[in-house]
Amino acid sequence: MEQLINSMHLIHNKKAFTSRFHSHPENEIVYFITGSGTVNINNKDYPFKPNTFSYYNAEKPHFEHHLED
């Protein structure tokens, strides 16, 4: 049976930040419990807010800009 989840991480950022432009060898799902900001995929910004998520295909470069905790 194919493994659906390779790993799970809980990350809490204590301040606003922008991640570096990066990619992963696997698909990635990010669930935003709190905070707000944008994710950038294919040079297009998409807003996020509490209780939303983003999905990144494997090897697809992206970054996140968090406006608050």
PDB file of N, CA and C in Angstrom:
ATOM      1  N   MET A   1       0.842  -1.184   0.000  1.00  0.00           N
ATOM      2  CA  MET A   1       0.000   0.000   0.000  1.00  0.00           C
ATOM      3  C   MET A   1       0.887   1.247   0.000  1.00  0.00           C
ATOM      4  N   GLU A   2       0.552   2.187  -0.850  1.00  0.00           N
ATOM      5  CA  GLU A   2       1.324   3.421  -0.927  1.00  0.00           C
ATOM      6  C   GLU A   2       1.117   4.241   0.336  1.00  0.00           C
ATOM      7  N   GLN A   3       2.204   4.779   0.839  1.00  0.00           N
ATOM      8  CA  GLN A   3       2.131   5.608   2.036  1.00  0.00           C
ATOM      9  C   GLN A   3       1.579   6.980   1.661  1.00  0.00           C
ATOM     10  N   LEU A   4       0.495   7.399   2.303  1.00  0.00           N
ATOM     11  CA  LEU A   4      -0.143   8.661   1.968  1.00  0.00           C
ATOM     12  C   LEU A   4       0.519   9.847   2.632  1.00  0.00           C
ATOM     13  N   ILE A   5       1.016   9.681   3.849  1.00  0.00           N
ATOM     14  CA  ILE A   5       1.670  10.770   4.566  1.00  0.00           C
ATOM     15  C   ILE A   5       3.083  10.344   4.904  1.00  0.00           C
ATOM     16  N   ASN A   6       4.062  11.061   4.342  1.00  0.00           N
ATOM     17  CA  ASN A   6       5.459  10.760   4.633  1.00  0.00           C
ATOM     18  C   ASN A   6       5.870  11.290   5.990  1.00  0.00           C
ATOM     19  N   SER A   7       5.413  12.487   6.307  1.00  0.00           N
ATOM     20  CA  SER A   7       5.757  13.089   7.593  1.00  0.00           C
ATOM     21  C   SER A   7       4.757  14.186   7.902  1.00  0.00           C
ATOM     22  N   MET A   8       4.699  14.538   9.171  1.00  0.00           N
ATOM     23  CA  MET A   8       3.817  15.609   9.598  1.00  0.00           C
ATOM     24  C   MET A   8       4.600  16.491  10.558  1.00  0.00           C
ATOM     25  N   HIS A   9       4.486  17.798  10.381  1.00  0.00           N
ATOM     26  CA  HIS A   9       5.212  18.738  11.219  1.00  0.00           C
ATOM     27  C   HIS A   9       4.247  19.794  11.734  1.00  0.00           C
ATOM     28  N   LEU A  10       4.398  20.168  12.968  1.00  0.00           N
ATOM     29  CA  LEU A  10       3.645  21.283  13.534  1.00  0.00           C
ATOM     30  C   LEU A  10       4.637  22.415  13.745  1.00  0.00           C
ATOM     31  N   ILE A  11       4.390  23.517  13.081  1.00  0.00           N
ATOM     32  CA  ILE A  11       5.302  24.656  13.165  1.00  0.00           C
ATOM     33  C   ILE A  11       4.513  25.863  13.644  1.00  0.00           C
ATOM     34  N   HIS A  12       5.033  26.531  14.649  1.00  0.00           N
ATOM     35  CA  HIS A  12       4.426  27.774  15.121  1.00  0.00           C
ATOM     36  C   HIS A  12       5.460  28.871  14.976  1.00  0.00           C
ATOM     37  N   ASN A  13       5.145  29.848  14.172  1.00  0.00           N
ATOM     38  CA  ASN A  13       6.052  30.977  13.982  1.00  0.00           C
ATOM     39  C   ASN A  13       5.642  32.091  14.924  1.00  0.00           C
ATOM     40  N   LYS A  14       6.600  32.619  15.656  1.00  0.00           N
ATOM     41  CA  LYS A  14       6.306  33.617  16.672  1.00  0.00           C
ATOM     42  C   LYS A  14       6.335  35.035  16.139  1.00  0.00           C
ATOM     43  N   LYS A  15       6.551  35.206  14.856  1.00  0.00           N
ATOM     44  CA  LYS A  15       6.546  36.545  14.280  1.00  0.00           C
ATOM     45  C   LYS A  15       6.295  36.437  12.779  1.00  0.00           C
ATOM     46  N   ALA A  16       6.010  37.570  12.175  1.00  0.00           N
ATOM     47  CA  ALA A  16       5.823  37.613  10.730  1.00  0.00           C
ATOM     48  C   ALA A  16       7.137  37.238  10.036  1.00  0.00           C
ATOM     49  N   PHE A  17       7.039  36.559   8.904  1.00  0.00           N
ATOM     50  CA  PHE A  17       8.247  36.186   8.166  1.00  0.00           C
ATOM     51  C   PHE A  17       7.885  35.810   6.735  1.00  0.00           C
ATOM     52  N   THR A  18       8.892  35.732   5.896  1.00  0.00           N
ATOM     53  CA  THR A  18       8.754  35.238   4.529  1.00  0.00           C
ATOM     54  C   THR A  18       9.738  34.095   4.364  1.00  0.00           C
ATOM     55  N   SER A  19       9.226  32.945   3.922  1.00  0.00           N
ATOM     56  CA  SER A  19      10.110  31.804   3.699  1.00  0.00           C
ATOM     57  C   SER A  19      10.897  32.027   2.413  1.00  0.00           C
ATOM     58  N   ARG A  20      11.951  31.298   2.256  1.00  0.00           N
ATOM     59  CA  ARG A  20      12.721  31.383   1.016  1.00  0.00           C
ATOM     60  C   ARG A  20      11.980  30.617  -0.071  1.00  0.00           C
ATOM     61  N   PHE A  21      12.271  30.934  -1.316  1.00  0.00           N
ATOM     62  CA  PHE A  21      11.722  30.214  -2.462  1.00  0.00           C
ATOM     63  C   PHE A  21      12.317  28.809  -2.428  1.00  0.00           C
ATOM     64  N   HIS A  22      11.490  27.773  -2.368  1.00  0.00           N
ATOM     65  CA  HIS A  22      11.992  26.410  -2.222  1.00  0.00           C
ATOM     66  C   HIS A  22      11.001  25.404  -2.802  1.00  0.00           C
ATOM     67  N   SER A  23      11.407  24.138  -2.859  1.00  0.00           N
ATOM     68  CA  SER A  23      10.533  23.047  -3.292  1.00  0.00           C
ATOM     69  C   SER A  23      10.871  21.809  -2.472  1.00  0.00           C
ATOM     70  N   HIS A  24      10.050  20.779  -2.619  1.00  0.00           N
ATOM     71  CA  HIS A  24      10.222  19.524  -1.891  1.00  0.00           C
ATOM     72  C   HIS A  24      10.120  18.358  -2.866  1.00  0.00           C
ATOM     73  N   PRO A  25      10.745  17.220  -2.557  1.00  0.00           N
ATOM     74  CA  PRO A  25      10.640  16.062  -3.449  1.00  0.00           C
ATOM     75  C   PRO A  25       9.276  15.368  -3.363  1.00  0.00           C
ATOM     76  N   GLU A  26       8.443  15.790  -2.391  1.00  0.00           N
ATOM     77  CA  GLU A  26       7.119  15.194  -2.233  1.00  0.00           C
ATOM     78  C   GLU A  26       6.059  16.299  -2.239  1.00  0.00           C
ATOM     79  N   ASN A  27       4.800  15.908  -2.408  1.00  0.00           N
ATOM     80  CA  ASN A  27       3.700  16.871  -2.308  1.00  0.00           C
ATOM     81  C   ASN A  27       3.643  17.398  -0.887  1.00  0.00           C
ATOM     82  N   GLU A  28       3.124  18.623  -0.732  1.00  0.00           N
ATOM     83  CA  GLU A  28       3.050  19.238   0.594  1.00  0.00           C
ATOM     84  C   GLU A  28       1.678  19.874   0.787  1.00  0.00           C
ATOM     85  N   ILE A  29       1.091  19.635   1.946  1.00  0.00           N
ATOM     86  CA  ILE A  29      -0.143  20.303   2.350  1.00  0.00           C
ATOM     87  C   ILE A  29       0.178  21.104   3.605  1.00  0.00           C
ATOM     88  N   VAL A  30      -0.178  22.384   3.599  1.00  0.00           N
ATOM     89  CA  VAL A  30       0.029  23.238   4.760  1.00  0.00           C
ATOM     90  C   VAL A  30      -1.338  23.712   5.229  1.00  0.00           C
ATOM     91  N   TYR A  31      -1.648  23.474   6.491  1.00  0.00           N
ATOM     92  CA  TYR A  31      -2.906  23.923   7.086  1.00  0.00           C
ATOM     93  C   TYR A  31      -2.601  25.095   8.009  1.00  0.00           C
ATOM     94  N   PHE A  32      -3.264  26.210   7.784  1.00  0.00           N
ATOM     95  CA  PHE A  32      -3.042  27.419   8.565  1.00  0.00           C
ATOM     96  C   PHE A  32      -4.102  27.494   9.664  1.00  0.00           C
ATOM     97  N   ILE A  33      -3.694  27.239  10.880  1.00  0.00           N
ATOM     98  CA  ILE A  33      -4.608  27.259  12.020  1.00  0.00           C
ATOM     99  C   ILE A  33      -4.946  28.702  12.391  1.00  0.00           C
ATOM    100  N   THR A  34      -3.944  29.554  12.404  1.00  0.00           N
ATOM    101  CA  THR A  34      -4.111  30.974  12.716  1.00  0.00           C
ATOM    102  C   THR A  34      -3.255  31.775  11.747  1.00  0.00           C
ATOM    103  N   GLY A  35      -3.300  33.093  11.888  1.00  0.00           N
ATOM    104  CA  GLY A  35      -2.448  33.959  11.079  1.00  0.00           C
ATOM    105  C   GLY A  35      -3.057  34.288   9.729  1.00  0.00           C
ATOM    106  N   SER A  36      -2.299  35.053   8.959  1.00  0.00           N
ATOM    107  CA  SER A  36      -2.721  35.419   7.614  1.00  0.00           C
ATOM    108  C   SER A  36      -1.489  35.759   6.795  1.00  0.00           C
ATOM    109  N   GLY A  37      -1.677  35.796   5.495  1.00  0.00           N
ATOM    110  CA  GLY A  37      -0.580  36.110   4.599  1.00  0.00           C
ATOM    111  C   GLY A  37      -0.877  35.626   3.200  1.00  0.00           C
ATOM    112  N   THR A  38       0.178  35.327   2.452  1.00  0.00           N
ATOM    113  CA  THR A  38       0.021  34.821   1.092  1.00  0.00           C
ATOM    114  C   THR A  38       0.989  33.669   0.856  1.00  0.00           C
ATOM    115  N   VAL A  39       0.595  32.801  -0.053  1.00  0.00           N
ATOM    116  CA  VAL A  39       1.507  31.791  -0.577  1.00  0.00           C
ATOM    117  C   VAL A  39       1.726  32.130  -2.043  1.00  0.00           C
ATOM    118  N   ASN A  40       2.917  31.869  -2.542  1.00  0.00           N
ATOM    119  CA  ASN A  40       3.242  32.184  -3.924  1.00  0.00           C
ATOM    120  C   ASN A  40       3.558  30.883  -4.654  1.00  0.00           C
ATOM    121  N   ILE A  41       2.772  30.596  -5.686  1.00  0.00           N
ATOM    122  CA  ILE A  41       2.964  29.418  -6.531  1.00  0.00           C
ATOM    123  C   ILE A  41       2.901  29.906  -7.978  1.00  0.00           C
ATOM    124  N   ASN A  42       3.873  29.503  -8.798  1.00  0.00           N
ATOM    125  CA  ASN A  42       3.914  29.946 -10.200  1.00  0.00           C
ATOM    126  C   ASN A  42       3.863  31.464 -10.323  1.00  0.00           C
ATOM    127  N   ASN A  43       4.563  32.152  -9.417  1.00  0.00           N
ATOM    128  CA  ASN A  43       4.631  33.617  -9.424  1.00  0.00           C
ATOM    129  C   ASN A  43       3.263  34.276  -9.261  1.00  0.00           C
ATOM    130  N   LYS A  44       2.329  33.586  -8.619  1.00  0.00           N
ATOM    131  CA  LYS A  44       1.016  34.160  -8.320  1.00  0.00           C
ATOM    132  C   LYS A  44       0.757  34.036  -6.831  1.00  0.00           C
ATOM    133  N   ASP A  45       0.308  35.123  -6.212  1.00  0.00           N
ATOM    134  CA  ASP A  45       0.018  35.122  -4.777  1.00  0.00           C
ATOM    135  C   ASP A  45      -1.418  34.673  -4.510  1.00  0.00           C
ATOM    136  N   TYR A  46      -1.564  33.849  -3.472  1.00  0.00           N
ATOM    137  CA  TYR A  46      -2.870  33.384  -3.012  1.00  0.00           C
ATOM    138  C   TYR A  46      -2.966  33.686  -1.519  1.00  0.00           C
ATOM    139  N   PRO A  47      -4.021  34.360  -1.076  1.00  0.00           N
ATOM    140  CA  PRO A  47      -4.128  34.700   0.344  1.00  0.00           C
ATOM    141  C   PRO A  47      -4.471  33.485   1.194  1.00  0.00           C
ATOM    142  N   PHE A  48      -4.014  33.505   2.446  1.00  0.00           N
ATOM    143  CA  PHE A  48      -4.472  32.512   3.408  1.00  0.00           C
ATOM    144  C   PHE A  48      -4.903  33.218   4.679  1.00  0.00           C
ATOM    145  N   LYS A  49      -5.739  32.557   5.438  1.00  0.00           N
ATOM    146  CA  LYS A  49      -6.249  33.052   6.709  1.00  0.00           C
ATOM    147  C   LYS A  49      -6.471  31.830   7.588  1.00  0.00           C
ATOM    148  N   PRO A  50      -6.914  32.003   8.832  1.00  0.00           N
ATOM    149  CA  PRO A  50      -7.144  30.839   9.685  1.00  0.00           C
ATOM    150  C   PRO A  50      -8.101  29.827   9.049  1.00  0.00           C
ATOM    151  N   ASN A  51      -7.795  28.562   9.269  1.00  0.00           N
ATOM    152  CA  ASN A  51      -8.605  27.443   8.796  1.00  0.00           C
ATOM    153  C   ASN A  51      -8.650  27.306   7.281  1.00  0.00           C
ATOM    154  N   THR A  52      -7.549  27.668   6.615  1.00  0.00           N
ATOM    155  CA  THR A  52      -7.399  27.408   5.190  1.00  0.00           C
ATOM    156  C   THR A  52      -6.143  26.564   5.002  1.00  0.00           C
ATOM    157  N   PHE A  53      -5.937  26.067   3.784  1.00  0.00           N
ATOM    158  CA  PHE A  53      -4.738  25.276   3.521  1.00  0.00           C
ATOM    159  C   PHE A  53      -4.215  25.576   2.130  1.00  0.00           C
ATOM    160  N   SER A  54      -2.968  25.202   1.910  1.00  0.00           N
ATOM    161  CA  SER A  54      -2.375  25.275   0.571  1.00  0.00           C
ATOM    162  C   SER A  54      -1.816  23.899   0.230  1.00  0.00           C
ATOM    163  N   TYR A  55      -1.759  23.623  -1.050  1.00  0.00           N
ATOM    164  CA  TYR A  55      -1.256  22.345  -1.555  1.00  0.00           C
ATOM    165  C   TYR A  55      -0.184  22.638  -2.585  1.00  0.00           C
ATOM    166  N   TYR A  56       0.969  22.034  -2.413  1.00  0.00           N
ATOM    167  CA  TYR A  56       2.083  22.215  -3.345  1.00  0.00           C
ATOM    168  C   TYR A  56       2.436  20.868  -3.970  1.00  0.00           C
ATOM    169  N   ASN A  57       2.490  20.824  -5.287  1.00  0.00           N
ATOM    170  CA  ASN A  57       2.937  19.613  -5.963  1.00  0.00           C
ATOM    171  C   ASN A  57       4.428  19.414  -5.737  1.00  0.00           C
ATOM    172  N   ALA A  58       4.858  18.181  -5.788  1.00  0.00           N
ATOM    173  CA  ALA A  58       6.280  17.859  -5.635  1.00  0.00           C
ATOM    174  C   ALA A  58       7.109  18.635  -6.653  1.00  0.00           C
ATOM    175  N   GLU A  59       8.251  19.107  -6.191  1.00  0.00           N
ATOM    176  CA  GLU A  59       9.220  19.825  -7.021  1.00  0.00           C
ATOM    177  C   GLU A  59       8.709  21.171  -7.551  1.00  0.00           C
ATOM    178  N   LYS A  60       7.563  21.654  -7.070  1.00  0.00           N
ATOM    179  CA  LYS A  60       7.018  22.938  -7.526  1.00  0.00           C
ATOM    180  C   LYS A  60       7.511  24.048  -6.594  1.00  0.00           C
ATOM    181  N   PRO A  61       8.343  24.955  -7.082  1.00  0.00           N
ATOM    182  CA  PRO A  61       8.856  26.035  -6.225  1.00  0.00           C
ATOM    183  C   PRO A  61       7.732  26.914  -5.688  1.00  0.00           C
ATOM    184  N   HIS A  62       7.878  27.330  -4.427  1.00  0.00           N
ATOM    185  CA  HIS A  62       6.876  28.150  -3.757  1.00  0.00           C
ATOM    186  C   HIS A  62       7.501  28.852  -2.566  1.00  0.00           C
ATOM    187  N   PHE A  63       6.792  29.848  -2.025  1.00  0.00           N
ATOM    188  CA  PHE A  63       7.186  30.446  -0.758  1.00  0.00           C
ATOM    189  C   PHE A  63       5.946  30.991  -0.079  1.00  0.00           C
ATOM    190  N   GLU A  64       6.071  31.278   1.220  1.00  0.00           N
ATOM    191  CA  GLU A  64       4.978  31.794   2.036  1.00  0.00           C
ATOM    192  C   GLU A  64       5.394  33.110   2.669  1.00  0.00           C
ATOM    193  N   HIS A  65       4.465  34.052   2.697  1.00  0.00           N
ATOM    194  CA  HIS A  65       4.680  35.338   3.356  1.00  0.00           C
ATOM    195  C   HIS A  65       3.644  35.446   4.466  1.00  0.00           C
ATOM    196  N   HIS A  66       4.099  35.350   5.717  1.00  0.00           N
ATOM    197  CA  HIS A  66       3.219  35.409   6.880  1.00  0.00           C
ATOM    198  C   HIS A  66       3.193  36.829   7.423  1.00  0.00           C
ATOM    199  N   LEU A  67       1.999  37.398   7.537  1.00  0.00           N
ATOM    200  CA  LEU A  67       1.863  38.783   7.990  1.00  0.00           C
ATOM    201  C   LEU A  67       1.798  38.912   9.508  1.00  0.00           C
ATOM    202  N   GLU A  68       1.458  37.826  10.204  1.00  0.00           N
ATOM    203  CA  GLU A  68       1.303  37.863  11.647  1.00  0.00           C
ATOM    204  C   GLU A  68       1.597  36.485  12.228  1.00  0.00           C
ATOM    205  N   ASP A  69       1.585  36.393  13.564  1.00  0.00           N
ATOM    206  CA  ASP A  69       1.828  35.111  14.232  1.00  0.00           C
ATOM    207  C   ASP A  69       0.872  34.049  13.736  1.00  0.00           C
TER     208      ASP A  69
END
